[in-house]
Amino acid sequence: MILPEWLKNQGWTNLQLANAIGVSEECARLYRAGLRRPGPEVVKRILRVTKGAVRQDDLLKAYAIATAKLPPYPTEGTPHGKLGRL
């Protein structure tokens, strides 16, 4: 099961997830969107909180899919200069 689906089924907000796994609300939002890859300790906490319903490979796949959709890093000479991904 993917994290957003689990959160929706539980009726949880990003803040509730953040409090349960000990991260900021912004980090929880990024994990939910697949835009930030959780480290090993956070993965363990997510697995514990979801009682295994969200698996580690689901978290990593979500990150890989979400980041694959982002544009590549701009290089010098492009309109964005050295900004990189947001």
PDB file of N, CA and C in Angstrom:
ATOM      1  N   MET A   1       0.853  -1.176   0.000  1.00  0.00           N
ATOM      2  CA  MET A   1       0.000   0.000   0.000  1.00  0.00           C
ATOM      3  C   MET A   1       0.899   1.239   0.000  1.00  0.00           C
ATOM      4  N   ILE A   2       0.489   2.247  -0.726  1.00  0.00           N
ATOM      5  CA  ILE A   2       1.277   3.480  -0.748  1.00  0.00           C
ATOM      6  C   ILE A   2       0.876   4.384   0.409  1.00  0.00           C
ATOM      7  N   LEU A   3       1.806   5.224   0.823  1.00  0.00           N
ATOM      8  CA  LEU A   3       1.590   6.072   1.994  1.00  0.00           C
ATOM      9  C   LEU A   3       0.352   6.968   1.875  1.00  0.00           C
ATOM     10  N   PRO A   4       0.139   7.671   0.746  1.00  0.00           N
ATOM     11  CA  PRO A   4      -1.054   8.525   0.676  1.00  0.00           C
ATOM     12  C   PRO A   4      -2.363   7.742   0.853  1.00  0.00           C
ATOM     13  N   GLU A   5      -2.384   6.535   0.321  1.00  0.00           N
ATOM     14  CA  GLU A   5      -3.583   5.691   0.455  1.00  0.00           C
ATOM     15  C   GLU A   5      -3.807   5.314   1.914  1.00  0.00           C
ATOM     16  N   TRP A   6      -2.738   4.933   2.604  1.00  0.00           N
ATOM     17  CA  TRP A   6      -2.856   4.575   4.010  1.00  0.00           C
ATOM     18  C   TRP A   6      -3.339   5.758   4.827  1.00  0.00           C
ATOM     19  N   LEU A   7      -2.737   6.929   4.582  1.00  0.00           N
ATOM     20  CA  LEU A   7      -3.128   8.132   5.322  1.00  0.00           C
ATOM     21  C   LEU A   7      -4.597   8.468   5.082  1.00  0.00           C
ATOM     22  N   LYS A   8      -5.037   8.347   3.837  1.00  0.00           N
ATOM     23  CA  LYS A   8      -6.440   8.632   3.520  1.00  0.00           C
ATOM     24  C   LYS A   8      -7.364   7.641   4.233  1.00  0.00           C
ATOM     25  N   ASN A   9      -7.002   6.362   4.199  1.00  0.00           N
ATOM     26  CA  ASN A   9      -7.819   5.340   4.865  1.00  0.00           C
ATOM     27  C   ASN A   9      -7.914   5.572   6.371  1.00  0.00           C
ATOM     28  N   GLN A  10      -6.838   6.083   6.947  1.00  0.00           N
ATOM     29  CA  GLN A  10      -6.814   6.345   8.389  1.00  0.00           C
ATOM     30  C   GLN A  10      -7.414   7.702   8.748  1.00  0.00           C
ATOM     31  N   GLY A  11      -7.595   8.548   7.723  1.00  0.00           N
ATOM     32  CA  GLY A  11      -8.077   9.905   7.981  1.00  0.00           C
ATOM     33  C   GLY A  11      -7.005  10.781   8.606  1.00  0.00           C
ATOM     34  N   TRP A  12      -5.741  10.459   8.346  1.00  0.00           N
ATOM     35  CA  TRP A  12      -4.627  11.188   8.944  1.00  0.00           C
ATOM     36  C   TRP A  12      -4.208  12.371   8.091  1.00  0.00           C
ATOM     37  N   THR A  13      -3.758  13.415   8.763  1.00  0.00           N
ATOM     38  CA  THR A  13      -3.183  14.584   8.097  1.00  0.00           C
ATOM     39  C   THR A  13      -1.659  14.442   8.069  1.00  0.00           C
ATOM     40  N   ASN A  14      -1.023  15.327   7.323  1.00  0.00           N
ATOM     41  CA  ASN A  14       0.444  15.345   7.318  1.00  0.00           C
ATOM     42  C   ASN A  14       0.992  15.625   8.715  1.00  0.00           C
ATOM     43  N   LEU A  15       0.309  16.483   9.459  1.00  0.00           N
ATOM     44  CA  LEU A  15       0.748  16.812  10.817  1.00  0.00           C
ATOM     45  C   LEU A  15       0.684  15.585  11.726  1.00  0.00           C
ATOM     46  N   GLN A  16      -0.370  14.810  11.604  1.00  0.00           N
ATOM     47  CA  GLN A  16      -0.484  13.600  12.423  1.00  0.00           C
ATOM     48  C   GLN A  16       0.628  12.606  12.082  1.00  0.00           C
ATOM     49  N   LEU A  17       0.904  12.451  10.785  1.00  0.00           N
ATOM     50  CA  LEU A  17       1.996  11.575  10.378  1.00  0.00           C
ATOM     51  C   LEU A  17       3.316  12.098  10.929  1.00  0.00           C
ATOM     52  N   ALA A  18       3.539  13.400  10.776  1.00  0.00           N
ATOM     53  CA  ALA A  18       4.778  14.019  11.253  1.00  0.00           C
ATOM     54  C   ALA A  18       4.986  13.756  12.741  1.00  0.00           C
ATOM     55  N   ASN A  19       3.956  13.958  13.524  1.00  0.00           N
ATOM     56  CA  ASN A  19       4.053  13.732  14.969  1.00  0.00           C
ATOM     57  C   ASN A  19       4.323  12.263  15.291  1.00  0.00           C
ATOM     58  N   ALA A  20       3.715  11.373  14.525  1.00  0.00           N
ATOM     59  CA  ALA A  20       3.865   9.944  14.789  1.00  0.00           C
ATOM     60  C   ALA A  20       5.258   9.427  14.443  1.00  0.00           C
ATOM     61  N   ILE A  21       5.898  10.025  13.438  1.00  0.00           N
ATOM     62  CA  ILE A  21       7.216   9.523  13.024  1.00  0.00           C
ATOM     63  C   ILE A  21       8.358  10.454  13.421  1.00  0.00           C
ATOM     64  N   GLY A  22       8.028  11.567  14.083  1.00  0.00           N
ATOM     65  CA  GLY A  22       9.060  12.452  14.627  1.00  0.00           C
ATOM     66  C   GLY A  22       9.788  13.302  13.603  1.00  0.00           C
ATOM     67  N   VAL A  23       9.047  13.813  12.622  1.00  0.00           N
ATOM     68  CA  VAL A  23       9.631  14.712  11.622  1.00  0.00           C
ATOM     69  C   VAL A  23       8.772  15.960  11.532  1.00  0.00           C
ATOM     70  N   SER A  24       9.225  16.935  10.755  1.00  0.00           N
ATOM     71  CA  SER A  24       8.424  18.144  10.563  1.00  0.00           C
ATOM     72  C   SER A  24       7.239  17.850   9.653  1.00  0.00           C
ATOM     73  N   GLU A  25       6.253  18.714   9.715  1.00  0.00           N
ATOM     74  CA  GLU A  25       5.089  18.555   8.846  1.00  0.00           C
ATOM     75  C   GLU A  25       5.505  18.648   7.371  1.00  0.00           C
ATOM     76  N   GLU A  26       6.475  19.515   7.075  1.00  0.00           N
ATOM     77  CA  GLU A  26       6.966  19.645   5.701  1.00  0.00           C
ATOM     78  C   GLU A  26       7.605  18.345   5.220  1.00  0.00           C
ATOM     79  N   CYS A  27       8.400  17.708   6.052  1.00  0.00           N
ATOM     80  CA  CYS A  27       8.991  16.419   5.676  1.00  0.00           C
ATOM     81  C   CYS A  27       7.899  15.381   5.415  1.00  0.00           C
ATOM     82  N   ALA A  28       6.915  15.337   6.283  1.00  0.00           N
ATOM     83  CA  ALA A  28       5.814  14.387   6.103  1.00  0.00           C
ATOM     84  C   ALA A  28       5.099  14.637   4.777  1.00  0.00           C
ATOM     85  N   ARG A  29       4.898  15.914   4.440  1.00  0.00           N
ATOM     86  CA  ARG A  29       4.250  16.251   3.173  1.00  0.00           C
ATOM     87  C   ARG A  29       5.083  15.759   1.997  1.00  0.00           C
ATOM     88  N   LEU A  30       6.387  15.938   2.081  1.00  0.00           N
ATOM     89  CA  LEU A  30       7.269  15.500   0.997  1.00  0.00           C
ATOM     90  C   LEU A  30       7.327  13.977   0.901  1.00  0.00           C
ATOM     91  N   TYR A  31       7.323  13.276   2.036  1.00  0.00           N
ATOM     92  CA  TYR A  31       7.270  11.809   2.004  1.00  0.00           C
ATOM     93  C   TYR A  31       5.968  11.353   1.363  1.00  0.00           C
ATOM     94  N   ARG A  32       4.879  11.982   1.745  1.00  0.00           N
ATOM     95  CA  ARG A  32       3.563  11.631   1.207  1.00  0.00           C
ATOM     96  C   ARG A  32       3.529  11.814  -0.307  1.00  0.00           C
ATOM     97  N   ALA A  33       4.142  12.884  -0.799  1.00  0.00           N
ATOM     98  CA  ALA A  33       4.159  13.177  -2.236  1.00  0.00           C
ATOM     99  C   ALA A  33       5.229  12.382  -2.982  1.00  0.00           C
ATOM    100  N   GLY A  34       6.102  11.703  -2.242  1.00  0.00           N
ATOM    101  CA  GLY A  34       7.178  10.961  -2.881  1.00  0.00           C
ATOM    102  C   GLY A  34       8.331  11.843  -3.323  1.00  0.00           C
ATOM    103  N   LEU A  35       8.378  13.076  -2.821  1.00  0.00           N
ATOM    104  CA  LEU A  35       9.399  14.027  -3.253  1.00  0.00           C
ATOM    105  C   LEU A  35      10.617  14.058  -2.338  1.00  0.00           C
ATOM    106  N   ARG A  36      10.567  13.280  -1.281  1.00  0.00           N
ATOM    107  CA  ARG A  36      11.722  13.165  -0.385  1.00  0.00           C
ATOM    108  C   ARG A  36      11.864  11.704   0.008  1.00  0.00           C
ATOM    109  N   ARG A  37      13.085  11.229  -0.066  1.00  0.00           N
ATOM    110  CA  ARG A  37      13.346   9.832   0.273  1.00  0.00           C
ATOM    111  C   ARG A  37      13.643   9.728   1.762  1.00  0.00           C
ATOM    112  N   PRO A  38      12.842   8.960   2.487  1.00  0.00           N
ATOM    113  CA  PRO A  38      13.096   8.836   3.922  1.00  0.00           C
ATOM    114  C   PRO A  38      14.343   8.002   4.187  1.00  0.00           C
ATOM    115  N   GLY A  39      15.085   8.404   5.208  1.00  0.00           N
ATOM    116  CA  GLY A  39      16.260   7.640   5.624  1.00  0.00           C
ATOM    117  C   GLY A  39      15.841   6.365   6.340  1.00  0.00           C
ATOM    118  N   PRO A  40      16.802   5.506   6.627  1.00  0.00           N
ATOM    119  CA  PRO A  40      16.495   4.206   7.246  1.00  0.00           C
ATOM    120  C   PRO A  40      15.705   4.295   8.547  1.00  0.00           C
ATOM    121  N   GLU A  41      16.049   5.257   9.422  1.00  0.00           N
ATOM    122  CA  GLU A  41      15.324   5.379  10.695  1.00  0.00           C
ATOM    123  C   GLU A  41      13.871   5.807  10.474  1.00  0.00           C
ATOM    124  N   VAL A  42      13.662   6.743   9.559  1.00  0.00           N
ATOM    125  CA  VAL A  42      12.293   7.210   9.277  1.00  0.00           C
ATOM    126  C   VAL A  42      11.491   6.094   8.624  1.00  0.00           C
ATOM    127  N   VAL A  43      12.124   5.331   7.743  1.00  0.00           N
ATOM    128  CA  VAL A  43      11.435   4.184   7.128  1.00  0.00           C
ATOM    129  C   VAL A  43      10.955   3.233   8.218  1.00  0.00           C
ATOM    130  N   LYS A  44      11.825   2.934   9.184  1.00  0.00           N
ATOM    131  CA  LYS A  44      11.433   2.039  10.286  1.00  0.00           C
ATOM    132  C   LYS A  44      10.237   2.590  11.042  1.00  0.00           C
ATOM    133  N   ARG A  45      10.246   3.906  11.278  1.00  0.00           N
ATOM    134  CA  ARG A  45       9.128   4.524  12.006  1.00  0.00           C
ATOM    135  C   ARG A  45       7.835   4.447  11.202  1.00  0.00           C
ATOM    136  N   ILE A  46       7.930   4.691   9.895  1.00  0.00           N
ATOM    137  CA  ILE A  46       6.733   4.604   9.046  1.00  0.00           C
ATOM    138  C   ILE A  46       6.198   3.179   9.044  1.00  0.00           C
ATOM    139  N   LEU A  47       7.081   2.205   8.923  1.00  0.00           N
ATOM    140  CA  LEU A  47       6.648   0.805   8.952  1.00  0.00           C
ATOM    141  C   LEU A  47       5.972   0.467  10.278  1.00  0.00           C
ATOM    142  N   ARG A  48       6.530   0.988  11.370  1.00  0.00           N
ATOM    143  CA  ARG A  48       5.954   0.726  12.697  1.00  0.00           C
ATOM    144  C   ARG A  48       4.581   1.384  12.835  1.00  0.00           C
ATOM    145  N   VAL A  49       4.476   2.639  12.412  1.00  0.00           N
ATOM    146  CA  VAL A  49       3.215   3.382  12.548  1.00  0.00           C
ATOM    147  C   VAL A  49       2.112   2.766  11.688  1.00  0.00           C
ATOM    148  N   THR A  50       2.490   2.331  10.492  1.00  0.00           N
ATOM    149  CA  THR A  50       1.483   1.757   9.573  1.00  0.00           C
ATOM    150  C   THR A  50       1.292   0.257   9.794  1.00  0.00           C
ATOM    151  N   LYS A  51       2.010  -0.279  10.773  1.00  0.00           N
ATOM    152  CA  LYS A  51       1.951  -1.713  11.102  1.00  0.00           C
ATOM    153  C   LYS A  51       2.227  -2.576   9.873  1.00  0.00           C
ATOM    154  N   GLY A  52       3.166  -2.100   9.047  1.00  0.00           N
ATOM    155  CA  GLY A  52       3.589  -2.859   7.877  1.00  0.00           C
ATOM    156  C   GLY A  52       2.704  -2.723   6.656  1.00  0.00           C
ATOM    157  N   ALA A  53       1.618  -1.961   6.763  1.00  0.00           N
ATOM    158  CA  ALA A  53       0.725  -1.798   5.607  1.00  0.00           C
ATOM    159  C   ALA A  53       1.432  -1.060   4.471  1.00  0.00           C
ATOM    160  N   VAL A  54       2.269  -0.092   4.828  1.00  0.00           N
ATOM    161  CA  VAL A  54       3.115   0.598   3.840  1.00  0.00           C
ATOM    162  C   VAL A  54       4.479  -0.054   3.940  1.00  0.00           C
ATOM    163  N   ARG A  55       4.936  -0.625   2.834  1.00  0.00           N
ATOM    164  CA  ARG A  55       6.214  -1.336   2.829  1.00  0.00           C
ATOM    165  C   ARG A  55       7.350  -0.419   2.380  1.00  0.00           C
ATOM    166  N   GLN A  56       8.559  -0.818   2.731  1.00  0.00           N
ATOM    167  CA  GLN A  56       9.725  -0.028   2.374  1.00  0.00           C
ATOM    168  C   GLN A  56       9.831   0.149   0.864  1.00  0.00           C
ATOM    169  N   ASP A  57       9.608  -0.912   0.101  1.00  0.00           N
ATOM    170  CA  ASP A  57       9.733  -0.780  -1.354  1.00  0.00           C
ATOM    171  C   ASP A  57       8.670   0.143  -1.927  1.00  0.00           C
ATOM    172  N   ASP A  58       7.503   0.249  -1.276  1.00  0.00           N
ATOM    173  CA  ASP A  58       6.471   1.198  -1.721  1.00  0.00           C
ATOM    174  C   ASP A  58       6.961   2.632  -1.548  1.00  0.00           C
ATOM    175  N   LEU A  59       7.625   2.909  -0.431  1.00  0.00           N
ATOM    176  CA  LEU A  59       8.157   4.249  -0.186  1.00  0.00           C
ATOM    177  C   LEU A  59       9.222   4.614  -1.217  1.00  0.00           C
ATOM    178  N   LEU A  60      10.119   3.680  -1.497  1.00  0.00           N
ATOM    179  CA  LEU A  60      11.207   3.953  -2.433  1.00  0.00           C
ATOM    180  C   LEU A  60      10.700   4.059  -3.867  1.00  0.00           C
ATOM    181  N   LYS A  61       9.701   3.238  -4.233  1.00  0.00           N
ATOM    182  CA  LYS A  61       9.118   3.337  -5.578  1.00  0.00           C
ATOM    183  C   LYS A  61       8.425   4.680  -5.764  1.00  0.00           C
ATOM    184  N   ALA A  62       7.696   5.130  -4.751  1.00  0.00           N
ATOM    185  CA  ALA A  62       7.001   6.417  -4.835  1.00  0.00           C
ATOM    186  C   ALA A  62       8.003   7.543  -5.059  1.00  0.00           C
ATOM    187  N   TYR A  63       9.128   7.474  -4.358  1.00  0.00           N
ATOM    188  CA  TYR A  63      10.170   8.487  -4.524  1.00  0.00           C
ATOM    189  C   TYR A  63      10.740   8.438  -5.942  1.00  0.00           C
ATOM    190  N   ALA A  64      11.030   7.251  -6.427  1.00  0.00           N
ATOM    191  CA  ALA A  64      11.608   7.098  -7.767  1.00  0.00           C
ATOM    192  C   ALA A  64      10.659   7.604  -8.843  1.00  0.00           C
ATOM    193  N   ILE A  65       9.387   7.312  -8.709  1.00  0.00           N
ATOM    194  CA  ILE A  65       8.390   7.752  -9.694  1.00  0.00           C
ATOM    195  C   ILE A  65       8.233   9.260  -9.655  1.00  0.00           C
ATOM    196  N   ALA A  66       8.109   9.812  -8.460  1.00  0.00           N
ATOM    197  CA  ALA A  66       7.893  11.262  -8.328  1.00  0.00           C
ATOM    198  C   ALA A  66       9.088  12.054  -8.841  1.00  0.00           C
ATOM    199  N   THR A  67      10.293  11.612  -8.497  1.00  0.00           N
ATOM    200  CA  THR A  67      11.462  12.373  -8.910  1.00  0.00           C
ATOM    201  C   THR A  67      11.773  12.181 -10.390  1.00  0.00           C
ATOM    202  N   ALA A  68      11.338  11.095 -10.979  1.00  0.00           N
ATOM    203  CA  ALA A  68      11.540  10.885 -12.415  1.00  0.00           C
ATOM    204  C   ALA A  68      10.733  11.886 -13.231  1.00  0.00           C
ATOM    205  N   LYS A  69       9.666  12.413 -12.645  1.00  0.00           N
ATOM    206  CA  LYS A  69       8.802  13.376 -13.341  1.00  0.00           C
ATOM    207  C   LYS A  69       9.330  14.807 -13.261  1.00  0.00           C
ATOM    208  N   LEU A  70      10.345  15.044 -12.405  1.00  0.00           N
ATOM    209  CA  LEU A  70      10.889  16.387 -12.264  1.00  0.00           C
ATOM    210  C   LEU A  70      11.789  16.719 -13.448  1.00  0.00           C
ATOM    211  N   PRO A  71      11.848  17.975 -13.831  1.00  0.00           N
ATOM    212  CA  PRO A  71      12.769  18.349 -14.909  1.00  0.00           C
ATOM    213  C   PRO A  71      14.208  18.176 -14.438  1.00  0.00           C
ATOM    214  N   PRO A  72      15.136  17.994 -15.370  1.00  0.00           N
ATOM    215  CA  PRO A  72      16.541  17.840 -14.964  1.00  0.00           C
ATOM    216  C   PRO A  72      17.084  19.117 -14.361  1.00  0.00           C
ATOM    217  N   TYR A  73      18.183  18.987 -13.667  1.00  0.00           N
ATOM    218  CA  TYR A  73      18.831  20.157 -13.085  1.00  0.00           C
ATOM    219  C   TYR A  73      19.227  21.127 -14.191  1.00  0.00           C
ATOM    220  N   PRO A  74      18.914  22.398 -14.037  1.00  0.00           N
ATOM    221  CA  PRO A  74      19.368  23.367 -15.037  1.00  0.00           C
ATOM    222  C   PRO A  74      20.888  23.523 -14.955  1.00  0.00           C
ATOM    223  N   THR A  75      21.477  23.864 -16.053  1.00  0.00           N
ATOM    224  CA  THR A  75      22.909  24.112 -16.072  1.00  0.00           C
ATOM    225  C   THR A  75      23.139  25.585 -16.305  1.00  0.00           C
ATOM    226  N   GLU A  76      24.372  26.010 -16.128  1.00  0.00           N
ATOM    227  CA  GLU A  76      24.678  27.418 -16.383  1.00  0.00           C
ATOM    228  C   GLU A  76      24.309  27.744 -17.811  1.00  0.00           C
ATOM    229  N   GLY A  77      23.809  28.939 -17.998  1.00  0.00           N
ATOM    230  CA  GLY A  77      23.396  29.354 -19.329  1.00  0.00           C
ATOM    231  C   GLY A  77      21.921  29.103 -19.597  1.00  0.00           C
ATOM    232  N   THR A  78      21.241  28.378 -18.689  1.00  0.00           N
ATOM    233  CA  THR A  78      19.804  28.184 -18.841  1.00  0.00           C
ATOM    234  C   THR A  78      19.110  29.311 -18.086  1.00  0.00           C
ATOM    235  N   PRO A  79      17.838  29.516 -18.343  1.00  0.00           N
ATOM    236  CA  PRO A  79      17.129  30.609 -17.661  1.00  0.00           C
ATOM    237  C   PRO A  79      17.159  30.519 -16.140  1.00  0.00           C
ATOM    238  N   HIS A  80      17.322  29.323 -15.590  1.00  0.00           N
ATOM    239  CA  HIS A  80      17.302  29.164 -14.139  1.00  0.00           C
ATOM    240  C   HIS A  80      18.697  29.180 -13.528  1.00  0.00           C
ATOM    241  N   GLY A  81      19.719  29.278 -14.347  1.00  0.00           N
ATOM    242  CA  GLY A  81      21.088  29.346 -13.824  1.00  0.00           C
ATOM    243  C   GLY A  81      21.449  28.133 -12.993  1.00  0.00           C
ATOM    244  N   LYS A  82      21.864  28.359 -11.757  1.00  0.00           N
ATOM    245  CA  LYS A  82      22.332  27.276 -10.900  1.00  0.00           C
ATOM    246  C   LYS A  82      21.316  26.881  -9.839  1.00  0.00           C
ATOM    247  N   LEU A  83      20.050  27.185 -10.034  1.00  0.00           N
ATOM    248  CA  LEU A  83      19.053  26.933  -8.996  1.00  0.00           C
ATOM    249  C   LEU A  83      18.840  25.447  -8.710  1.00  0.00           C
ATOM    250  N   GLY A  84      18.846  24.618  -9.726  1.00  0.00           N
ATOM    251  CA  GLY A  84      18.575  23.198  -9.526  1.00  0.00           C
ATOM    252  C   GLY A  84      17.114  22.954  -9.204  1.00  0.00           C
ATOM    253  N   ARG A  85      16.824  21.745  -8.754  1.00  0.00           N
ATOM    254  CA  ARG A  85      15.448  21.398  -8.393  1.00  0.00           C
ATOM    255  C   ARG A  85      15.046  22.103  -7.118  1.00  0.00           C
ATOM    256  N   LEU A  86      13.766  22.358  -6.984  1.00  0.00           N
ATOM    257  CA  LEU A  86      13.265  22.980  -5.764  1.00  0.00           C
ATOM    258  C   LEU A  86      12.860  21.887  -4.806  1.00  0.00           C
TER     259      LEU A  86
END
